[in-house]
Amino acid sequence: INAEYMGNLLLRFYSEQIMIKITFPDNSVKEYAEGTTAMQIAESISSRLAQEVLAASVNGEIWDLSRPINQDAAVKLFKCCLLYTSPSPRDGLLTRMPSSACKKKK
């Protein structure tokens, strides 16, 4: 084996992109390049989702949208919503409501 062949082989080996598997809440799985961010995942789904997403859960931990994901993970994307404490115990402690205040003004 000559040096040129080994060099080309190593170049091919290291230039191949490593893919990770992202599992979504509906149990669907999609492959992304290692180092993909939650924002890039949102953009790949839809531009509107990318505008509305605020944070992500990666394997049950809340992550910033710009943090790279380097291994297979379960991912949930969180859109803008309003949380408030309910005064009534029967309503539960937190109630989630869509918030029009989160929509971008045009």
N, C-alpha and C. Protein backbone atom coordinates (compact mmCIF):
# COMPACT_ATOMS: atom_id res chain seq x y z
N ILE A 1 0.86 -1.18 0.00
CA ILE A 1 0.00 0.00 0.00
C ILE A 1 0.90 1.23 0.00
N ASN A 2 0.67 2.13 -0.95
CA ASN A 2 1.51 3.32 -1.01
C ASN A 2 0.91 4.48 -0.19
N ALA A 3 1.71 5.49 0.05
CA ALA A 3 1.31 6.62 0.89
C ALA A 3 0.15 7.40 0.29
N GLU A 4 0.14 7.55 -1.04
CA GLU A 4 -0.95 8.30 -1.69
C GLU A 4 -2.29 7.59 -1.48
N TYR A 5 -2.28 6.27 -1.64
CA TYR A 5 -3.51 5.50 -1.43
C TYR A 5 -4.00 5.65 0.01
N MET A 6 -3.08 5.53 0.98
CA MET A 6 -3.45 5.67 2.39
C MET A 6 -3.98 7.07 2.68
N GLY A 7 -3.35 8.07 2.08
CA GLY A 7 -3.81 9.45 2.28
C GLY A 7 -5.22 9.65 1.76
N ASN A 8 -5.50 9.13 0.58
CA ASN A 8 -6.85 9.23 0.00
C ASN A 8 -7.87 8.47 0.85
N LEU A 9 -7.47 7.31 1.33
CA LEU A 9 -8.36 6.51 2.17
C LEU A 9 -8.69 7.24 3.47
N LEU A 10 -7.69 7.81 4.11
CA LEU A 10 -7.91 8.56 5.35
C LEU A 10 -8.76 9.81 5.10
N LEU A 11 -8.52 10.49 4.00
CA LEU A 11 -9.30 11.67 3.66
C LEU A 11 -10.77 11.31 3.50
N ARG A 12 -11.04 10.22 2.79
CA ARG A 12 -12.42 9.77 2.61
C ARG A 12 -13.06 9.40 3.94
N PHE A 13 -12.29 8.71 4.78
CA PHE A 13 -12.81 8.26 6.07
C PHE A 13 -13.20 9.46 6.95
N TYR A 14 -12.32 10.45 7.03
CA TYR A 14 -12.58 11.60 7.91
C TYR A 14 -13.52 12.63 7.32
N SER A 15 -13.73 12.61 6.01
CA SER A 15 -14.62 13.60 5.41
C SER A 15 -16.07 13.14 5.38
N GLU A 16 -16.31 11.84 5.64
CA GLU A 16 -17.68 11.36 5.67
C GLU A 16 -18.38 11.93 6.90
N GLN A 17 -19.59 12.39 6.70
CA GLN A 17 -20.34 13.02 7.78
C GLN A 17 -20.96 11.96 8.68
N ILE A 18 -20.80 12.14 9.96
CA ILE A 18 -21.40 11.22 10.93
C ILE A 18 -22.84 11.66 11.15
N MET A 19 -23.74 10.70 11.07
CA MET A 19 -25.17 10.99 11.22
C MET A 19 -25.65 10.51 12.59
N ILE A 20 -26.58 11.28 13.16
CA ILE A 20 -27.20 10.90 14.42
C ILE A 20 -28.70 10.73 14.18
N LYS A 21 -29.35 9.95 15.03
CA LYS A 21 -30.78 9.71 14.91
C LYS A 21 -31.52 10.55 15.95
N ILE A 22 -32.47 11.35 15.45
CA ILE A 22 -33.31 12.18 16.31
C ILE A 22 -34.70 11.56 16.35
N THR A 23 -35.15 11.27 17.56
CA THR A 23 -36.49 10.71 17.76
C THR A 23 -37.41 11.82 18.25
N PHE A 24 -38.54 11.97 17.58
CA PHE A 24 -39.51 13.01 17.90
C PHE A 24 -40.61 12.46 18.82
N PRO A 25 -41.41 13.33 19.43
CA PRO A 25 -42.45 12.87 20.36
C PRO A 25 -43.43 11.85 19.78
N ASP A 26 -43.64 11.87 18.47
CA ASP A 26 -44.55 10.89 17.85
C ASP A 26 -43.83 9.57 17.51
N ASN A 27 -42.59 9.44 18.00
CA ASN A 27 -41.72 8.26 17.79
C ASN A 27 -41.18 8.14 16.37
N SER A 28 -41.38 9.16 15.54
CA SER A 28 -40.73 9.14 14.23
C SER A 28 -39.24 9.46 14.43
N VAL A 29 -38.42 8.94 13.53
CA VAL A 29 -36.97 9.11 13.64
C VAL A 29 -36.45 9.67 12.32
N LYS A 30 -35.57 10.65 12.44
CA LYS A 30 -34.95 11.24 11.26
C LYS A 30 -33.46 11.39 11.53
N GLU A 31 -32.66 11.23 10.50
CA GLU A 31 -31.21 11.37 10.66
C GLU A 31 -30.77 12.79 10.32
N TYR A 32 -29.85 13.29 11.14
CA TYR A 32 -29.25 14.61 10.94
C TYR A 32 -27.74 14.46 11.12
N ALA A 33 -27.00 15.42 10.61
CA ALA A 33 -25.55 15.42 10.78
C ALA A 33 -25.21 15.66 12.25
N GLU A 34 -24.18 14.99 12.72
CA GLU A 34 -23.70 15.22 14.07
C GLU A 34 -23.39 16.71 14.24
N GLY A 35 -23.80 17.29 15.35
CA GLY A 35 -23.56 18.70 15.60
C GLY A 35 -24.72 19.59 15.19
N THR A 36 -25.78 18.99 14.65
CA THR A 36 -26.97 19.75 14.28
C THR A 36 -27.59 20.36 15.54
N THR A 37 -28.13 21.55 15.42
CA THR A 37 -28.77 22.21 16.55
C THR A 37 -30.28 22.01 16.50
N ALA A 38 -30.94 22.28 17.61
CA ALA A 38 -32.40 22.19 17.65
C ALA A 38 -33.02 23.20 16.68
N MET A 39 -32.39 24.35 16.52
CA MET A 39 -32.91 25.34 15.57
C MET A 39 -32.83 24.80 14.14
N GLN A 40 -31.76 24.13 13.80
CA GLN A 40 -31.64 23.54 12.46
C GLN A 40 -32.68 22.44 12.25
N ILE A 41 -32.99 21.70 13.31
CA ILE A 41 -34.03 20.69 13.22
C ILE A 41 -35.37 21.37 12.97
N ALA A 42 -35.66 22.44 13.73
CA ALA A 42 -36.91 23.18 13.53
C ALA A 42 -37.00 23.73 12.11
N GLU A 43 -35.91 24.29 11.59
CA GLU A 43 -35.89 24.83 10.23
C GLU A 43 -36.14 23.74 9.19
N SER A 44 -35.66 22.54 9.45
CA SER A 44 -35.86 21.44 8.51
C SER A 44 -37.31 20.97 8.48
N ILE A 45 -38.03 21.24 9.56
CA ILE A 45 -39.45 20.87 9.63
C ILE A 45 -40.30 21.92 8.95
N SER A 46 -40.12 23.19 9.36
CA SER A 46 -40.84 24.29 8.69
C SER A 46 -40.27 25.63 9.13
N SER A 47 -40.33 26.60 8.24
CA SER A 47 -39.81 27.93 8.56
C SER A 47 -40.66 28.59 9.65
N ARG A 48 -41.95 28.31 9.65
CA ARG A 48 -42.82 28.88 10.68
C ARG A 48 -42.46 28.34 12.07
N LEU A 49 -42.22 27.02 12.15
CA LEU A 49 -41.81 26.43 13.42
C LEU A 49 -40.51 27.07 13.89
N ALA A 50 -39.58 27.28 12.99
CA ALA A 50 -38.30 27.90 13.34
C ALA A 50 -38.49 29.31 13.90
N GLN A 51 -39.51 30.02 13.43
CA GLN A 51 -39.78 31.37 13.95
C GLN A 51 -40.41 31.32 15.35
N GLU A 52 -41.15 30.25 15.64
CA GLU A 52 -41.91 30.19 16.89
C GLU A 52 -41.22 29.40 18.00
N VAL A 53 -40.26 28.57 17.67
CA VAL A 53 -39.64 27.71 18.67
C VAL A 53 -38.76 28.54 19.61
N LEU A 54 -38.84 28.21 20.91
CA LEU A 54 -38.08 28.95 21.93
C LEU A 54 -36.98 28.12 22.58
N ALA A 55 -37.23 26.83 22.72
CA ALA A 55 -36.27 25.96 23.39
C ALA A 55 -36.53 24.53 22.94
N ALA A 56 -35.66 23.65 23.37
CA ALA A 56 -35.81 22.24 23.04
C ALA A 56 -35.51 21.40 24.26
N SER A 57 -36.12 20.24 24.29
CA SER A 57 -35.79 19.22 25.27
C SER A 57 -34.99 18.16 24.53
N VAL A 58 -33.79 17.88 25.01
CA VAL A 58 -32.94 16.85 24.41
C VAL A 58 -32.70 15.79 25.49
N ASN A 59 -33.25 14.61 25.25
CA ASN A 59 -33.17 13.52 26.23
C ASN A 59 -33.67 13.97 27.61
N GLY A 60 -34.74 14.77 27.61
CA GLY A 60 -35.37 15.18 28.85
C GLY A 60 -34.78 16.41 29.51
N GLU A 61 -33.73 17.00 28.94
CA GLU A 61 -33.11 18.21 29.50
C GLU A 61 -33.42 19.39 28.58
N ILE A 62 -33.70 20.55 29.17
CA ILE A 62 -33.96 21.75 28.38
C ILE A 62 -32.63 22.28 27.85
N TRP A 63 -32.59 22.49 26.52
CA TRP A 63 -31.38 22.97 25.86
C TRP A 63 -31.69 24.26 25.10
N ASP A 64 -30.67 25.09 25.00
CA ASP A 64 -30.70 26.26 24.14
C ASP A 64 -30.77 25.77 22.69
N LEU A 65 -31.41 26.54 21.84
CA LEU A 65 -31.58 26.15 20.44
C LEU A 65 -30.28 26.08 19.65
N SER A 66 -29.25 26.75 20.13
CA SER A 66 -27.99 26.79 19.38
C SER A 66 -26.97 25.74 19.84
N ARG A 67 -27.31 24.96 20.84
CA ARG A 67 -26.38 23.94 21.36
C ARG A 67 -26.35 22.74 20.41
N PRO A 68 -25.16 22.31 19.98
CA PRO A 68 -25.05 21.18 19.06
C PRO A 68 -25.46 19.86 19.71
N ILE A 69 -26.14 19.03 18.95
CA ILE A 69 -26.52 17.69 19.39
C ILE A 69 -25.55 16.72 18.72
N ASN A 70 -24.78 16.00 19.52
CA ASN A 70 -23.69 15.19 18.98
C ASN A 70 -23.93 13.69 19.06
N GLN A 71 -25.09 13.29 19.53
CA GLN A 71 -25.38 11.86 19.61
C GLN A 71 -26.88 11.63 19.43
N ASP A 72 -27.26 10.38 19.21
CA ASP A 72 -28.67 10.05 19.07
C ASP A 72 -29.43 10.62 20.26
N ALA A 73 -30.62 11.17 19.99
CA ALA A 73 -31.36 11.83 21.07
C ALA A 73 -32.85 11.86 20.79
N ALA A 74 -33.61 11.97 21.87
CA ALA A 74 -35.05 12.24 21.78
C ALA A 74 -35.20 13.75 21.92
N VAL A 75 -35.88 14.37 20.96
CA VAL A 75 -35.97 15.84 20.93
C VAL A 75 -37.43 16.28 20.88
N LYS A 76 -37.74 17.27 21.72
CA LYS A 76 -39.03 17.96 21.68
C LYS A 76 -38.73 19.44 21.48
N LEU A 77 -39.50 20.08 20.63
CA LEU A 77 -39.33 21.51 20.38
C LEU A 77 -40.48 22.25 21.07
N PHE A 78 -40.16 23.32 21.77
CA PHE A 78 -41.16 24.08 22.51
C PHE A 78 -41.41 25.41 21.82
N LYS A 79 -42.68 25.63 21.47
CA LYS A 79 -43.08 26.91 20.87
C LYS A 79 -43.51 27.85 21.98
N CYS A 80 -43.69 29.09 21.61
CA CYS A 80 -44.08 30.13 22.53
C CYS A 80 -45.47 29.85 23.11
N CYS A 81 -45.57 29.99 24.39
CA CYS A 81 -46.87 29.87 25.05
C CYS A 81 -46.81 30.67 26.34
N LEU A 82 -47.94 30.90 26.93
CA LEU A 82 -48.04 31.65 28.17
C LEU A 82 -48.37 30.68 29.28
N LEU A 83 -47.56 30.67 30.33
CA LEU A 83 -47.84 29.85 31.50
C LEU A 83 -48.24 30.75 32.65
N TYR A 84 -49.25 30.34 33.37
CA TYR A 84 -49.62 31.11 34.55
C TYR A 84 -50.10 30.16 35.63
N THR A 85 -50.00 30.60 36.87
CA THR A 85 -50.46 29.81 38.00
C THR A 85 -51.94 30.03 38.17
N SER A 86 -52.66 28.96 38.22
CA SER A 86 -54.11 29.04 38.37
C SER A 86 -54.47 29.26 39.84
N PRO A 87 -55.40 30.16 40.12
CA PRO A 87 -55.81 30.38 41.51
C PRO A 87 -56.66 29.24 42.06
N SER A 88 -57.18 28.40 41.20
CA SER A 88 -58.07 27.33 41.64
C SER A 88 -57.33 25.99 41.65
N PRO A 89 -57.34 25.26 42.78
CA PRO A 89 -56.66 23.97 42.84
C PRO A 89 -57.21 22.96 41.83
N ARG A 90 -58.49 23.06 41.50
CA ARG A 90 -59.06 22.10 40.56
C ARG A 90 -58.53 22.29 39.14
N ASP A 91 -58.01 23.49 38.85
CA ASP A 91 -57.44 23.75 37.53
C ASP A 91 -56.00 23.26 37.41
N GLY A 92 -55.42 22.87 38.53
CA GLY A 92 -54.01 22.48 38.52
C GLY A 92 -53.13 23.69 38.74
N LEU A 93 -51.87 23.46 38.94
CA LEU A 93 -50.96 24.56 39.24
C LEU A 93 -50.62 25.40 38.02
N LEU A 94 -50.41 24.75 36.91
CA LEU A 94 -50.03 25.49 35.70
C LEU A 94 -51.02 25.21 34.59
N THR A 95 -51.37 26.24 33.88
CA THR A 95 -52.23 26.10 32.71
C THR A 95 -51.48 26.70 31.53
N ARG A 96 -51.51 26.02 30.42
CA ARG A 96 -50.81 26.50 29.24
C ARG A 96 -51.82 27.02 28.24
N MET A 97 -51.58 28.23 27.75
CA MET A 97 -52.47 28.84 26.76
C MET A 97 -51.62 29.42 25.65
N PRO A 98 -52.07 29.29 24.42
CA PRO A 98 -51.34 29.97 23.33
C PRO A 98 -51.34 31.47 23.58
N SER A 99 -50.26 32.10 23.26
CA SER A 99 -50.15 33.53 23.48
C SER A 99 -49.98 34.28 22.17
N SER A 100 -50.92 35.15 21.87
CA SER A 100 -50.78 35.95 20.66
C SER A 100 -49.67 36.96 20.81
N ALA A 101 -49.28 37.25 22.04
CA ALA A 101 -48.19 38.20 22.28
C ALA A 101 -46.87 37.67 21.75
N CYS A 102 -46.76 36.36 21.59
CA CYS A 102 -45.52 35.76 21.11
C CYS A 102 -45.38 35.84 19.60
N LYS A 103 -46.47 36.10 18.90
CA LYS A 103 -46.41 36.16 17.44
C LYS A 103 -45.66 37.41 17.00
N LYS A 104 -44.85 37.24 15.98
CA LYS A 104 -44.07 38.37 15.49
C LYS A 104 -44.97 39.35 14.75
N LYS A 105 -44.77 40.61 15.00
CA LYS A 105 -45.53 41.65 14.31
C LYS A 105 -44.91 41.87 12.95
N LYS A 106 -45.76 42.07 11.96
CA LYS A 106 -45.27 42.28 10.59
C LYS A 106 -45.26 43.74 10.25
